[in-house]
N, C-alpha and C. Protein backbone atom coordinates (compact mmCIF):
# COMPACT_ATOMS: atom_id res chain seq x y z
N UNK A 1 -2.57 15.18 13.31
CA UNK A 1 -3.27 15.71 14.47
C UNK A 1 -2.51 16.90 15.03
N UNK A 2 -3.23 17.92 15.41
CA UNK A 2 -2.61 19.13 15.91
C UNK A 2 -1.83 18.86 17.18
N UNK A 3 -0.64 19.50 17.29
CA UNK A 3 0.20 19.29 18.47
C UNK A 3 -0.44 19.85 19.73
N UNK A 4 -1.38 20.79 19.58
CA UNK A 4 -2.02 21.37 20.75
C UNK A 4 -3.28 20.62 21.15
N UNK A 5 -3.48 19.41 20.61
CA UNK A 5 -4.64 18.61 20.98
C UNK A 5 -4.19 17.20 21.40
N UNK A 6 -3.25 17.09 22.33
CA UNK A 6 -2.77 15.75 22.73
C UNK A 6 -3.85 14.91 23.37
N UNK A 7 -4.90 15.53 23.94
CA UNK A 7 -5.95 14.76 24.58
C UNK A 7 -6.71 13.90 23.57
N UNK A 8 -6.70 14.30 22.30
CA UNK A 8 -7.39 13.52 21.28
C UNK A 8 -6.68 12.21 20.96
N UNK A 9 -5.45 12.06 21.45
CA UNK A 9 -4.71 10.83 21.20
C UNK A 9 -5.03 9.75 22.22
N UNK A 10 -5.89 10.05 23.18
CA UNK A 10 -6.30 9.07 24.18
C UNK A 10 -7.78 8.77 24.01
N UNK A 11 -8.19 7.60 24.47
CA UNK A 11 -9.61 7.24 24.38
C UNK A 11 -10.46 8.19 25.23
N UNK A 12 -9.98 8.51 26.43
CA UNK A 12 -10.76 9.37 27.32
C UNK A 12 -10.91 10.77 26.76
N UNK A 13 -9.88 11.26 26.05
CA UNK A 13 -9.96 12.60 25.51
C UNK A 13 -10.65 12.69 24.17
N UNK A 14 -10.64 11.60 23.42
CA UNK A 14 -11.18 11.65 22.06
C UNK A 14 -12.68 11.84 22.04
N UNK A 15 -13.40 11.19 22.96
CA UNK A 15 -14.86 11.25 22.96
C UNK A 15 -15.41 11.68 24.32
N UNK A 16 -14.75 12.68 24.91
CA UNK A 16 -15.25 13.30 26.14
C UNK A 16 -15.47 12.29 27.27
N UNK A 17 -14.58 11.31 27.37
CA UNK A 17 -14.69 10.36 28.46
C UNK A 17 -15.56 9.16 28.17
N UNK A 18 -16.13 9.09 26.98
CA UNK A 18 -16.92 7.93 26.59
C UNK A 18 -16.07 6.95 25.80
N UNK A 19 -16.17 5.67 26.13
CA UNK A 19 -15.42 4.63 25.44
C UNK A 19 -16.32 3.93 24.43
N UNK A 20 -16.04 4.07 23.13
CA UNK A 20 -16.86 3.38 22.13
C UNK A 20 -16.71 1.86 22.25
N UNK A 21 -17.81 1.17 22.24
CA UNK A 21 -17.83 -0.29 22.23
C UNK A 21 -18.80 -0.72 21.14
N UNK A 22 -18.33 -1.55 20.24
CA UNK A 22 -19.17 -1.97 19.11
C UNK A 22 -20.06 -3.13 19.55
N UNK A 23 -21.36 -2.98 19.29
CA UNK A 23 -22.34 -4.00 19.66
C UNK A 23 -23.13 -4.41 18.42
N UNK A 24 -23.35 -5.71 18.28
CA UNK A 24 -24.31 -6.20 17.29
C UNK A 24 -25.20 -7.23 17.95
N UNK A 25 -26.50 -7.16 17.65
CA UNK A 25 -27.45 -8.14 18.15
C UNK A 25 -28.14 -8.82 16.97
N UNK A 26 -28.47 -10.07 17.17
CA UNK A 26 -29.31 -10.80 16.22
C UNK A 26 -30.57 -11.19 16.98
N UNK A 27 -31.72 -10.97 16.35
CA UNK A 27 -32.99 -11.06 17.06
C UNK A 27 -34.01 -11.87 16.25
N UNK A 28 -35.14 -12.15 16.89
CA UNK A 28 -36.23 -12.87 16.24
C UNK A 28 -37.36 -11.92 15.90
N UNK A 29 -37.02 -10.72 15.45
CA UNK A 29 -38.02 -9.73 15.10
C UNK A 29 -37.48 -8.33 15.30
N UNK A 30 -38.37 -7.35 15.17
CA UNK A 30 -37.96 -5.95 15.23
C UNK A 30 -38.46 -5.22 16.48
N UNK A 31 -39.28 -5.88 17.28
CA UNK A 31 -39.85 -5.25 18.47
C UNK A 31 -39.03 -5.66 19.68
N UNK A 32 -38.29 -4.71 20.24
CA UNK A 32 -37.38 -5.02 21.35
C UNK A 32 -38.13 -5.48 22.60
N UNK A 33 -39.39 -5.09 22.73
CA UNK A 33 -40.15 -5.45 23.91
C UNK A 33 -40.75 -6.84 23.87
N UNK A 34 -40.95 -7.38 22.66
CA UNK A 34 -41.65 -8.66 22.56
C UNK A 34 -40.83 -9.75 21.87
N UNK A 35 -39.88 -9.38 21.02
CA UNK A 35 -39.16 -10.36 20.21
C UNK A 35 -37.85 -10.77 20.89
N UNK A 36 -37.48 -12.02 20.66
CA UNK A 36 -36.33 -12.59 21.37
C UNK A 36 -35.01 -11.99 20.91
N UNK A 37 -34.14 -11.75 21.89
CA UNK A 37 -32.73 -11.44 21.64
C UNK A 37 -32.00 -12.76 21.60
N UNK A 38 -31.38 -13.11 20.45
CA UNK A 38 -30.81 -14.44 20.26
C UNK A 38 -29.29 -14.47 20.28
N UNK A 39 -28.65 -13.39 19.87
CA UNK A 39 -27.20 -13.31 19.89
C UNK A 39 -26.80 -11.88 20.22
N UNK A 40 -25.67 -11.74 20.91
CA UNK A 40 -25.09 -10.42 21.14
C UNK A 40 -23.57 -10.57 21.08
N UNK A 41 -22.93 -9.60 20.46
CA UNK A 41 -21.46 -9.56 20.41
C UNK A 41 -21.00 -8.15 20.72
N UNK A 42 -19.88 -8.07 21.41
CA UNK A 42 -19.26 -6.78 21.70
C UNK A 42 -17.79 -6.84 21.28
N UNK A 43 -17.35 -5.80 20.58
CA UNK A 43 -15.94 -5.67 20.22
C UNK A 43 -15.37 -4.50 21.00
N UNK A 44 -14.37 -4.79 21.83
CA UNK A 44 -13.68 -3.75 22.57
C UNK A 44 -12.63 -3.13 21.67
N UNK A 45 -12.48 -1.82 21.75
CA UNK A 45 -11.54 -1.10 20.90
C UNK A 45 -10.29 -0.71 21.67
N UNK A 46 -9.22 -0.47 20.93
CA UNK A 46 -7.94 -0.08 21.50
C UNK A 46 -7.43 1.18 20.80
N UNK A 47 -6.60 1.93 21.50
CA UNK A 47 -5.97 3.12 20.94
C UNK A 47 -4.47 3.02 21.17
N UNK A 48 -3.69 3.16 20.08
CA UNK A 48 -2.24 3.05 20.25
C UNK A 48 -1.64 4.40 20.63
N UNK A 49 -0.33 4.44 20.79
CA UNK A 49 0.35 5.64 21.26
C UNK A 49 0.21 6.81 20.30
N UNK A 50 -0.08 6.52 19.03
CA UNK A 50 -0.25 7.57 18.03
C UNK A 50 -1.71 8.03 17.93
N UNK A 51 -2.57 7.48 18.79
CA UNK A 51 -3.96 7.88 18.77
C UNK A 51 -4.79 7.19 17.71
N UNK A 52 -4.28 6.10 17.16
CA UNK A 52 -5.02 5.38 16.12
C UNK A 52 -5.83 4.25 16.75
N UNK A 53 -7.07 4.13 16.26
CA UNK A 53 -8.01 3.18 16.81
C UNK A 53 -7.96 1.86 16.04
N UNK A 54 -8.18 0.76 16.78
CA UNK A 54 -8.20 -0.54 16.15
C UNK A 54 -9.07 -1.50 16.97
N UNK A 55 -9.69 -2.49 16.31
CA UNK A 55 -10.49 -3.47 17.05
C UNK A 55 -9.61 -4.30 17.97
N UNK A 56 -10.16 -4.66 19.11
CA UNK A 56 -9.46 -5.51 20.04
C UNK A 56 -10.22 -6.80 20.29
N UNK A 57 -10.50 -7.07 21.55
CA UNK A 57 -11.12 -8.33 21.98
C UNK A 57 -12.60 -8.38 21.62
N UNK A 58 -13.07 -9.55 21.16
CA UNK A 58 -14.49 -9.77 20.87
C UNK A 58 -15.06 -10.78 21.85
N UNK A 59 -16.22 -10.47 22.40
CA UNK A 59 -16.94 -11.41 23.24
C UNK A 59 -18.34 -11.57 22.64
N UNK A 60 -18.79 -12.81 22.53
CA UNK A 60 -20.11 -13.07 21.95
C UNK A 60 -20.83 -14.13 22.76
N UNK A 61 -22.16 -14.03 22.80
CA UNK A 61 -22.99 -15.00 23.51
C UNK A 61 -24.23 -15.32 22.68
N UNK A 62 -24.56 -16.63 22.62
CA UNK A 62 -25.85 -17.08 22.12
C UNK A 62 -26.81 -17.08 23.31
N UNK A 63 -28.06 -16.70 23.06
CA UNK A 63 -28.98 -16.45 24.16
C UNK A 63 -30.26 -17.25 23.97
N UNK A 64 -30.73 -17.88 25.06
CA UNK A 64 -32.04 -18.53 25.04
C UNK A 64 -33.13 -17.46 24.95
N UNK A 65 -34.16 -17.68 24.15
CA UNK A 65 -35.28 -16.73 24.13
C UNK A 65 -35.86 -16.58 25.54
N UNK A 66 -36.18 -15.36 25.92
CA UNK A 66 -36.76 -15.16 27.24
C UNK A 66 -38.18 -15.76 27.27
N UNK A 67 -38.69 -16.12 28.44
CA UNK A 67 -40.01 -16.74 28.52
C UNK A 67 -41.09 -15.87 27.88
N UNK A 68 -41.85 -16.47 26.97
CA UNK A 68 -42.92 -15.76 26.29
C UNK A 68 -42.46 -14.94 25.10
N UNK A 69 -41.18 -15.03 24.74
CA UNK A 69 -40.66 -14.22 23.64
C UNK A 69 -41.29 -14.63 22.31
N UNK A 70 -41.52 -13.65 21.45
CA UNK A 70 -42.01 -13.91 20.10
C UNK A 70 -40.84 -14.31 19.21
N UNK A 71 -41.07 -15.31 18.35
CA UNK A 71 -40.07 -15.75 17.39
C UNK A 71 -40.68 -15.59 16.00
N UNK A 72 -40.31 -14.51 15.34
CA UNK A 72 -40.83 -14.25 14.00
C UNK A 72 -40.09 -15.10 12.98
N UNK A 73 -40.81 -15.95 12.26
CA UNK A 73 -40.16 -16.90 11.36
C UNK A 73 -39.42 -16.21 10.24
N UNK A 74 -39.96 -15.11 9.73
CA UNK A 74 -39.28 -14.38 8.66
C UNK A 74 -37.92 -13.87 9.11
N UNK A 75 -37.85 -13.40 10.35
CA UNK A 75 -36.57 -12.93 10.89
C UNK A 75 -35.60 -14.08 11.07
N UNK A 76 -36.09 -15.21 11.54
CA UNK A 76 -35.22 -16.38 11.71
C UNK A 76 -34.70 -16.88 10.36
N UNK A 77 -35.55 -16.84 9.35
CA UNK A 77 -35.11 -17.25 8.01
C UNK A 77 -34.04 -16.32 7.49
N UNK A 78 -34.16 -15.03 7.80
CA UNK A 78 -33.19 -14.04 7.33
C UNK A 78 -31.83 -14.24 7.98
N UNK A 79 -31.82 -14.47 9.29
CA UNK A 79 -30.55 -14.63 10.01
C UNK A 79 -29.99 -16.04 9.92
N UNK A 80 -30.85 -17.00 9.66
CA UNK A 80 -30.41 -18.39 9.64
C UNK A 80 -30.27 -19.01 11.01
N UNK A 81 -30.81 -18.36 12.02
CA UNK A 81 -30.72 -18.86 13.40
C UNK A 81 -31.88 -19.80 13.68
N UNK A 82 -31.57 -20.98 14.22
CA UNK A 82 -32.58 -21.92 14.67
C UNK A 82 -32.51 -22.01 16.20
N UNK A 83 -33.41 -21.32 16.89
CA UNK A 83 -33.34 -21.31 18.37
C UNK A 83 -33.49 -22.70 18.99
N UNK A 84 -34.03 -23.65 18.22
CA UNK A 84 -34.31 -24.98 18.77
C UNK A 84 -33.25 -26.01 18.39
N UNK A 85 -32.21 -25.58 17.69
CA UNK A 85 -31.16 -26.53 17.30
C UNK A 85 -30.46 -27.04 18.56
N UNK A 86 -30.25 -28.36 18.67
CA UNK A 86 -29.67 -28.92 19.90
C UNK A 86 -28.31 -28.32 20.27
N UNK A 87 -27.43 -28.12 19.28
CA UNK A 87 -26.12 -27.56 19.61
C UNK A 87 -26.25 -26.13 20.13
N UNK A 88 -27.12 -25.34 19.46
CA UNK A 88 -27.31 -23.96 19.91
C UNK A 88 -27.89 -23.92 21.33
N UNK A 89 -28.85 -24.79 21.60
CA UNK A 89 -29.45 -24.82 22.94
C UNK A 89 -28.42 -25.21 24.00
N UNK A 90 -27.43 -26.00 23.59
CA UNK A 90 -26.40 -26.42 24.54
C UNK A 90 -25.45 -25.28 24.90
N UNK A 91 -25.13 -24.41 23.94
CA UNK A 91 -24.15 -23.36 24.20
C UNK A 91 -24.79 -22.03 24.61
N UNK A 92 -26.09 -21.89 24.41
CA UNK A 92 -26.77 -20.63 24.73
C UNK A 92 -26.90 -20.46 26.24
N UNK A 93 -27.01 -19.19 26.65
CA UNK A 93 -27.19 -18.86 28.06
C UNK A 93 -28.40 -17.95 28.21
N UNK A 94 -28.83 -17.77 29.44
CA UNK A 94 -29.94 -16.87 29.70
C UNK A 94 -29.52 -15.41 29.46
N UNK A 95 -30.50 -14.57 29.18
CA UNK A 95 -30.22 -13.16 28.89
C UNK A 95 -29.37 -12.50 29.97
N UNK A 96 -29.71 -12.71 31.21
CA UNK A 96 -29.01 -12.03 32.30
C UNK A 96 -27.55 -12.42 32.33
N UNK A 97 -27.27 -13.71 32.16
CA UNK A 97 -25.88 -14.16 32.16
C UNK A 97 -25.12 -13.56 30.99
N UNK A 98 -25.75 -13.54 29.82
CA UNK A 98 -25.10 -12.96 28.64
C UNK A 98 -24.74 -11.50 28.86
N UNK A 99 -25.69 -10.74 29.38
CA UNK A 99 -25.44 -9.32 29.61
C UNK A 99 -24.38 -9.11 30.69
N UNK A 100 -24.44 -9.89 31.74
CA UNK A 100 -23.43 -9.75 32.80
C UNK A 100 -22.03 -10.04 32.26
N UNK A 101 -21.91 -11.06 31.41
CA UNK A 101 -20.61 -11.37 30.81
C UNK A 101 -20.11 -10.22 29.94
N UNK A 102 -21.00 -9.68 29.11
CA UNK A 102 -20.63 -8.57 28.24
C UNK A 102 -20.26 -7.33 29.06
N UNK A 103 -21.10 -7.01 30.03
CA UNK A 103 -20.89 -5.79 30.81
C UNK A 103 -19.61 -5.87 31.64
N UNK A 104 -19.25 -7.06 32.06
CA UNK A 104 -18.03 -7.21 32.88
C UNK A 104 -16.79 -6.78 32.08
N UNK A 105 -16.68 -7.25 30.85
CA UNK A 105 -15.50 -6.90 30.06
C UNK A 105 -15.59 -5.45 29.58
N UNK A 106 -16.79 -4.96 29.36
CA UNK A 106 -16.93 -3.55 28.96
C UNK A 106 -16.49 -2.63 30.08
N UNK A 107 -16.90 -2.92 31.31
CA UNK A 107 -16.48 -2.08 32.44
C UNK A 107 -14.97 -2.11 32.61
N UNK A 108 -14.36 -3.27 32.39
CA UNK A 108 -12.91 -3.37 32.48
C UNK A 108 -12.25 -2.51 31.40
N UNK A 109 -12.81 -2.52 30.21
CA UNK A 109 -12.28 -1.71 29.11
C UNK A 109 -12.40 -0.23 29.40
N UNK A 110 -13.49 0.16 30.02
CA UNK A 110 -13.69 1.56 30.41
C UNK A 110 -12.59 1.98 31.39
N UNK A 111 -12.37 1.16 32.40
CA UNK A 111 -11.36 1.48 33.41
C UNK A 111 -9.96 1.53 32.79
N UNK A 112 -9.66 0.57 31.92
CA UNK A 112 -8.32 0.50 31.33
C UNK A 112 -7.98 1.76 30.53
N UNK A 113 -8.98 2.42 29.98
CA UNK A 113 -8.74 3.60 29.15
C UNK A 113 -9.08 4.91 29.85
N UNK A 114 -9.37 4.83 31.14
CA UNK A 114 -9.61 6.05 31.91
C UNK A 114 -10.89 6.76 31.52
N UNK A 115 -11.86 6.00 31.02
CA UNK A 115 -13.12 6.60 30.60
C UNK A 115 -14.17 6.50 31.71
N UNK A 116 -15.30 7.15 31.51
CA UNK A 116 -16.33 7.17 32.54
C UNK A 116 -17.53 6.31 32.19
N UNK A 117 -17.72 6.04 30.90
CA UNK A 117 -18.89 5.26 30.48
C UNK A 117 -18.67 4.76 29.06
N UNK A 118 -19.38 3.70 28.70
CA UNK A 118 -19.33 3.20 27.32
C UNK A 118 -20.40 3.89 26.49
N UNK A 119 -20.11 3.99 25.20
CA UNK A 119 -21.11 4.47 24.25
C UNK A 119 -21.19 3.45 23.12
N UNK A 120 -22.41 3.05 22.79
CA UNK A 120 -22.61 1.97 21.82
C UNK A 120 -22.32 2.45 20.40
N UNK A 121 -21.53 1.66 19.69
CA UNK A 121 -21.30 1.84 18.25
C UNK A 121 -22.02 0.71 17.55
N UNK A 122 -22.83 1.04 16.55
CA UNK A 122 -23.54 -0.01 15.84
C UNK A 122 -23.92 0.43 14.46
N UNK A 123 -24.24 -0.52 13.61
CA UNK A 123 -24.75 -0.22 12.28
C UNK A 123 -26.26 -0.30 12.38
N UNK A 124 -26.92 0.86 12.30
CA UNK A 124 -28.30 1.04 12.76
C UNK A 124 -28.31 0.89 14.28
N UNK A 125 -27.56 1.76 14.92
CA UNK A 125 -27.27 1.63 16.35
C UNK A 125 -28.51 1.70 17.23
N UNK A 126 -29.54 2.43 16.81
CA UNK A 126 -30.75 2.53 17.63
C UNK A 126 -31.41 1.17 17.80
N UNK A 127 -31.31 0.33 16.79
CA UNK A 127 -31.87 -1.02 16.87
C UNK A 127 -31.15 -1.83 17.94
N UNK A 128 -29.82 -1.84 17.88
CA UNK A 128 -29.03 -2.59 18.86
C UNK A 128 -29.24 -2.07 20.27
N UNK A 129 -29.23 -0.74 20.42
CA UNK A 129 -29.41 -0.17 21.75
C UNK A 129 -30.80 -0.45 22.29
N UNK A 130 -31.80 -0.43 21.41
CA UNK A 130 -33.16 -0.72 21.85
C UNK A 130 -33.29 -2.11 22.43
N UNK A 131 -32.70 -3.11 21.76
CA UNK A 131 -32.76 -4.48 22.27
C UNK A 131 -31.90 -4.64 23.51
N UNK A 132 -30.77 -3.96 23.56
CA UNK A 132 -29.93 -4.02 24.75
C UNK A 132 -30.66 -3.45 25.96
N UNK A 133 -31.25 -2.28 25.80
CA UNK A 133 -31.96 -1.64 26.91
C UNK A 133 -33.17 -2.46 27.35
N UNK A 134 -33.88 -3.07 26.39
CA UNK A 134 -35.04 -3.88 26.74
C UNK A 134 -34.61 -5.11 27.55
N UNK A 135 -33.49 -5.71 27.17
CA UNK A 135 -33.00 -6.88 27.90
C UNK A 135 -32.54 -6.48 29.30
N UNK A 136 -31.90 -5.32 29.42
CA UNK A 136 -31.49 -4.83 30.74
C UNK A 136 -32.71 -4.64 31.64
N UNK A 137 -33.76 -4.09 31.09
CA UNK A 137 -34.98 -3.88 31.88
C UNK A 137 -35.62 -5.21 32.27
N UNK A 138 -35.66 -6.17 31.34
CA UNK A 138 -36.27 -7.47 31.65
C UNK A 138 -35.51 -8.20 32.75
N UNK A 139 -34.20 -8.12 32.71
CA UNK A 139 -33.37 -8.90 33.63
C UNK A 139 -33.12 -8.18 34.95
N UNK A 140 -33.45 -6.91 35.02
CA UNK A 140 -33.27 -6.16 36.27
C UNK A 140 -31.83 -5.82 36.59
N UNK A 141 -30.97 -5.83 35.58
CA UNK A 141 -29.56 -5.47 35.81
C UNK A 141 -29.46 -3.98 36.14
N UNK A 142 -28.73 -3.68 37.20
CA UNK A 142 -28.65 -2.30 37.69
C UNK A 142 -27.46 -1.53 37.12
N UNK A 143 -26.37 -2.22 36.82
CA UNK A 143 -25.15 -1.53 36.41
C UNK A 143 -24.92 -1.70 34.91
N UNK A 144 -25.66 -0.93 34.14
CA UNK A 144 -25.49 -0.93 32.69
C UNK A 144 -24.42 0.11 32.35
N UNK A 145 -23.27 -0.31 31.78
CA UNK A 145 -22.18 0.64 31.53
C UNK A 145 -22.41 1.55 30.32
N UNK A 146 -23.46 1.28 29.52
CA UNK A 146 -23.67 2.05 28.30
C UNK A 146 -24.52 3.29 28.54
N UNK A 147 -24.21 4.34 27.78
CA UNK A 147 -25.07 5.52 27.78
C UNK A 147 -26.47 5.09 27.36
N UNK A 148 -27.51 5.60 28.04
CA UNK A 148 -28.86 5.08 27.79
C UNK A 148 -29.46 5.46 26.44
N UNK A 149 -28.94 6.52 25.79
CA UNK A 149 -29.57 6.89 24.51
C UNK A 149 -28.59 7.38 23.45
N UNK A 150 -27.41 7.81 23.81
CA UNK A 150 -26.46 8.29 22.81
C UNK A 150 -25.73 7.11 22.17
N UNK A 151 -25.44 7.23 20.87
CA UNK A 151 -24.75 6.18 20.13
C UNK A 151 -23.86 6.82 19.06
N UNK A 152 -22.97 6.00 18.50
CA UNK A 152 -22.30 6.30 17.24
C UNK A 152 -22.84 5.31 16.20
N UNK A 153 -23.47 5.84 15.16
CA UNK A 153 -24.11 5.00 14.15
C UNK A 153 -23.24 4.99 12.90
N UNK A 154 -22.71 3.81 12.56
CA UNK A 154 -21.84 3.72 11.39
C UNK A 154 -22.61 3.84 10.08
N UNK A 155 -23.92 3.75 10.10
CA UNK A 155 -24.70 4.06 8.89
C UNK A 155 -24.46 5.51 8.49
N UNK A 156 -24.63 6.41 9.42
CA UNK A 156 -24.43 7.84 9.15
C UNK A 156 -22.97 8.15 8.86
N UNK A 157 -22.09 7.58 9.67
CA UNK A 157 -20.66 7.86 9.48
C UNK A 157 -20.16 7.35 8.14
N UNK A 158 -20.58 6.15 7.75
CA UNK A 158 -20.14 5.60 6.47
C UNK A 158 -20.79 6.34 5.30
N UNK A 159 -22.03 6.76 5.48
CA UNK A 159 -22.68 7.54 4.44
C UNK A 159 -21.95 8.84 4.19
N UNK A 160 -21.52 9.49 5.25
CA UNK A 160 -20.78 10.74 5.13
C UNK A 160 -19.40 10.51 4.53
N UNK A 161 -18.72 9.47 4.97
CA UNK A 161 -17.32 9.25 4.60
C UNK A 161 -17.15 8.57 3.24
N UNK A 162 -17.98 7.54 3.00
CA UNK A 162 -17.79 6.72 1.80
C UNK A 162 -18.98 6.74 0.84
N UNK A 163 -20.05 7.38 1.23
CA UNK A 163 -21.23 7.39 0.37
C UNK A 163 -21.96 6.05 0.35
N UNK A 164 -21.72 5.21 1.35
CA UNK A 164 -22.35 3.90 1.44
C UNK A 164 -23.00 3.74 2.82
N UNK A 165 -24.22 3.17 2.83
CA UNK A 165 -24.92 2.97 4.09
C UNK A 165 -25.16 1.50 4.41
N UNK A 166 -25.13 0.62 3.43
CA UNK A 166 -25.24 -0.82 3.66
C UNK A 166 -23.91 -1.31 4.22
N UNK A 167 -23.96 -2.12 5.27
CA UNK A 167 -22.73 -2.52 5.96
C UNK A 167 -21.73 -3.18 5.03
N UNK A 168 -22.17 -4.13 4.23
CA UNK A 168 -21.23 -4.85 3.36
C UNK A 168 -20.54 -3.90 2.39
N UNK A 169 -21.29 -2.97 1.83
CA UNK A 169 -20.71 -2.04 0.86
C UNK A 169 -19.81 -1.02 1.55
N UNK A 170 -20.19 -0.59 2.73
CA UNK A 170 -19.36 0.37 3.46
C UNK A 170 -18.04 -0.26 3.88
N UNK A 171 -18.10 -1.51 4.34
CA UNK A 171 -16.88 -2.21 4.75
C UNK A 171 -15.93 -2.35 3.57
N UNK A 172 -16.46 -2.71 2.41
CA UNK A 172 -15.61 -2.85 1.23
C UNK A 172 -15.09 -1.50 0.74
N UNK A 173 -15.91 -0.46 0.86
CA UNK A 173 -15.46 0.87 0.47
C UNK A 173 -14.32 1.35 1.36
N UNK A 174 -14.29 0.86 2.60
CA UNK A 174 -13.22 1.23 3.54
C UNK A 174 -11.97 0.40 3.31
N UNK A 175 -12.03 -0.57 2.40
CA UNK A 175 -10.85 -1.35 2.05
C UNK A 175 -10.74 -2.70 2.72
N UNK A 176 -11.85 -3.18 3.32
CA UNK A 176 -11.83 -4.46 4.01
C UNK A 176 -12.59 -5.52 3.22
N UNK A 177 -12.31 -6.79 3.54
CA UNK A 177 -13.01 -7.91 2.91
C UNK A 177 -14.38 -8.12 3.55
N UNK A 178 -15.30 -8.68 2.76
CA UNK A 178 -16.63 -9.01 3.27
C UNK A 178 -16.99 -10.41 2.83
N UNK A 179 -17.37 -11.26 3.77
CA UNK A 179 -17.77 -12.63 3.48
C UNK A 179 -19.27 -12.77 3.71
N UNK A 180 -20.03 -12.83 2.64
CA UNK A 180 -21.49 -12.87 2.75
C UNK A 180 -21.97 -14.09 3.51
N UNK A 181 -21.22 -15.20 3.43
CA UNK A 181 -21.64 -16.42 4.11
C UNK A 181 -21.52 -16.31 5.63
N UNK A 182 -20.74 -15.36 6.11
CA UNK A 182 -20.57 -15.17 7.56
C UNK A 182 -21.47 -14.07 8.12
N UNK A 183 -22.11 -13.32 7.23
CA UNK A 183 -22.94 -12.19 7.67
C UNK A 183 -24.14 -12.68 8.48
N UNK A 184 -24.66 -11.77 9.32
CA UNK A 184 -25.80 -12.01 10.19
C UNK A 184 -25.48 -12.94 11.34
N UNK A 185 -24.20 -13.14 11.60
CA UNK A 185 -23.75 -13.68 12.89
C UNK A 185 -23.28 -12.48 13.68
N UNK A 186 -23.68 -12.40 14.93
CA UNK A 186 -23.40 -11.19 15.71
C UNK A 186 -21.91 -10.90 15.78
N UNK A 187 -21.09 -11.93 15.99
CA UNK A 187 -19.65 -11.69 16.12
C UNK A 187 -19.07 -11.13 14.83
N UNK A 188 -19.52 -11.64 13.67
CA UNK A 188 -18.95 -11.21 12.40
C UNK A 188 -19.37 -9.77 12.08
N UNK A 189 -20.66 -9.48 12.20
CA UNK A 189 -21.13 -8.13 11.91
C UNK A 189 -20.52 -7.12 12.87
N UNK A 190 -20.35 -7.51 14.14
CA UNK A 190 -19.74 -6.60 15.10
C UNK A 190 -18.28 -6.33 14.75
N UNK A 191 -17.55 -7.36 14.36
CA UNK A 191 -16.14 -7.17 14.03
C UNK A 191 -15.97 -6.32 12.77
N UNK A 192 -16.84 -6.50 11.80
CA UNK A 192 -16.77 -5.69 10.58
C UNK A 192 -17.18 -4.25 10.86
N UNK A 193 -18.17 -4.08 11.72
CA UNK A 193 -18.56 -2.72 12.12
C UNK A 193 -17.43 -2.04 12.87
N UNK A 194 -16.71 -2.79 13.69
CA UNK A 194 -15.56 -2.24 14.42
C UNK A 194 -14.46 -1.80 13.46
N UNK A 195 -14.16 -2.62 12.46
CA UNK A 195 -13.17 -2.24 11.46
C UNK A 195 -13.59 -0.95 10.75
N UNK A 196 -14.86 -0.88 10.40
CA UNK A 196 -15.38 0.30 9.70
C UNK A 196 -15.29 1.55 10.58
N UNK A 197 -15.72 1.45 11.82
CA UNK A 197 -15.69 2.60 12.72
C UNK A 197 -14.27 3.10 12.94
N UNK A 198 -13.35 2.18 13.21
CA UNK A 198 -11.95 2.58 13.44
C UNK A 198 -11.36 3.24 12.20
N UNK A 199 -11.66 2.69 11.03
CA UNK A 199 -11.15 3.27 9.79
C UNK A 199 -11.65 4.70 9.60
N UNK A 200 -12.91 4.94 9.93
CA UNK A 200 -13.47 6.27 9.77
C UNK A 200 -12.84 7.25 10.75
N UNK A 201 -12.72 6.84 12.02
CA UNK A 201 -12.11 7.72 13.02
C UNK A 201 -10.67 8.05 12.63
N UNK A 202 -9.91 7.04 12.22
CA UNK A 202 -8.51 7.26 11.84
C UNK A 202 -8.40 8.14 10.60
N UNK A 203 -9.31 7.95 9.66
CA UNK A 203 -9.29 8.75 8.44
C UNK A 203 -9.52 10.22 8.74
N UNK A 204 -10.49 10.50 9.60
CA UNK A 204 -10.75 11.90 9.95
C UNK A 204 -9.60 12.51 10.74
N UNK A 205 -8.98 11.71 11.59
CA UNK A 205 -7.81 12.22 12.33
C UNK A 205 -6.67 12.54 11.37
N UNK A 206 -6.46 11.67 10.38
CA UNK A 206 -5.38 11.88 9.43
C UNK A 206 -5.61 13.12 8.58
N UNK A 207 -6.85 13.33 8.18
CA UNK A 207 -7.14 14.42 7.24
C UNK A 207 -7.39 15.76 7.90
N UNK A 208 -8.08 15.70 9.06
CA UNK A 208 -8.49 16.96 9.68
C UNK A 208 -7.91 17.20 11.06
N UNK A 209 -7.26 16.19 11.62
CA UNK A 209 -6.68 16.35 12.94
C UNK A 209 -7.70 16.35 14.04
N UNK A 210 -8.89 15.73 13.77
CA UNK A 210 -9.93 15.66 14.80
C UNK A 210 -10.51 14.26 14.86
């Protein structure tokens, strides 16, 4: 990294005051307005003294389908989520509680790094942001710490860096392990996306100083 760019070694300086937060959602369909949000996970990122990024704390919540939500069986078969399983119903929370829990730690992460707002990092980030924004609107939450439309999409970043756009292949191309049996759980996909994003940012810093 260039000696005349010390601001890039901090989270606040690296992305113009935006703090990347990795989000993954698991849903009961593709329509954010009608289909249930069933799981959400957020991975908070850290930056060391050398300006290198790494995954930090993960928070995840199982969510009860909102009243009247559509549950597409094909989507449930794909993710393996059973919204009616007794154990899942016991640990799941309402959408508003889940978002409040996530947003609380995200706001703390923003403050800790001197940033002004969070920016969502996701694999197919528009999908995750769409469901997040729809849930915020449904629940009437006023203090959403995320930028309403800007994202960092690891599909594009991994395609540029490694020539891979599928998450499992991109993660392995970056040098990390992938466990297919754990995939499609929000916490696992979010943590792997976080590893991928940090690897890409660090790689570009090492090679180009940006």
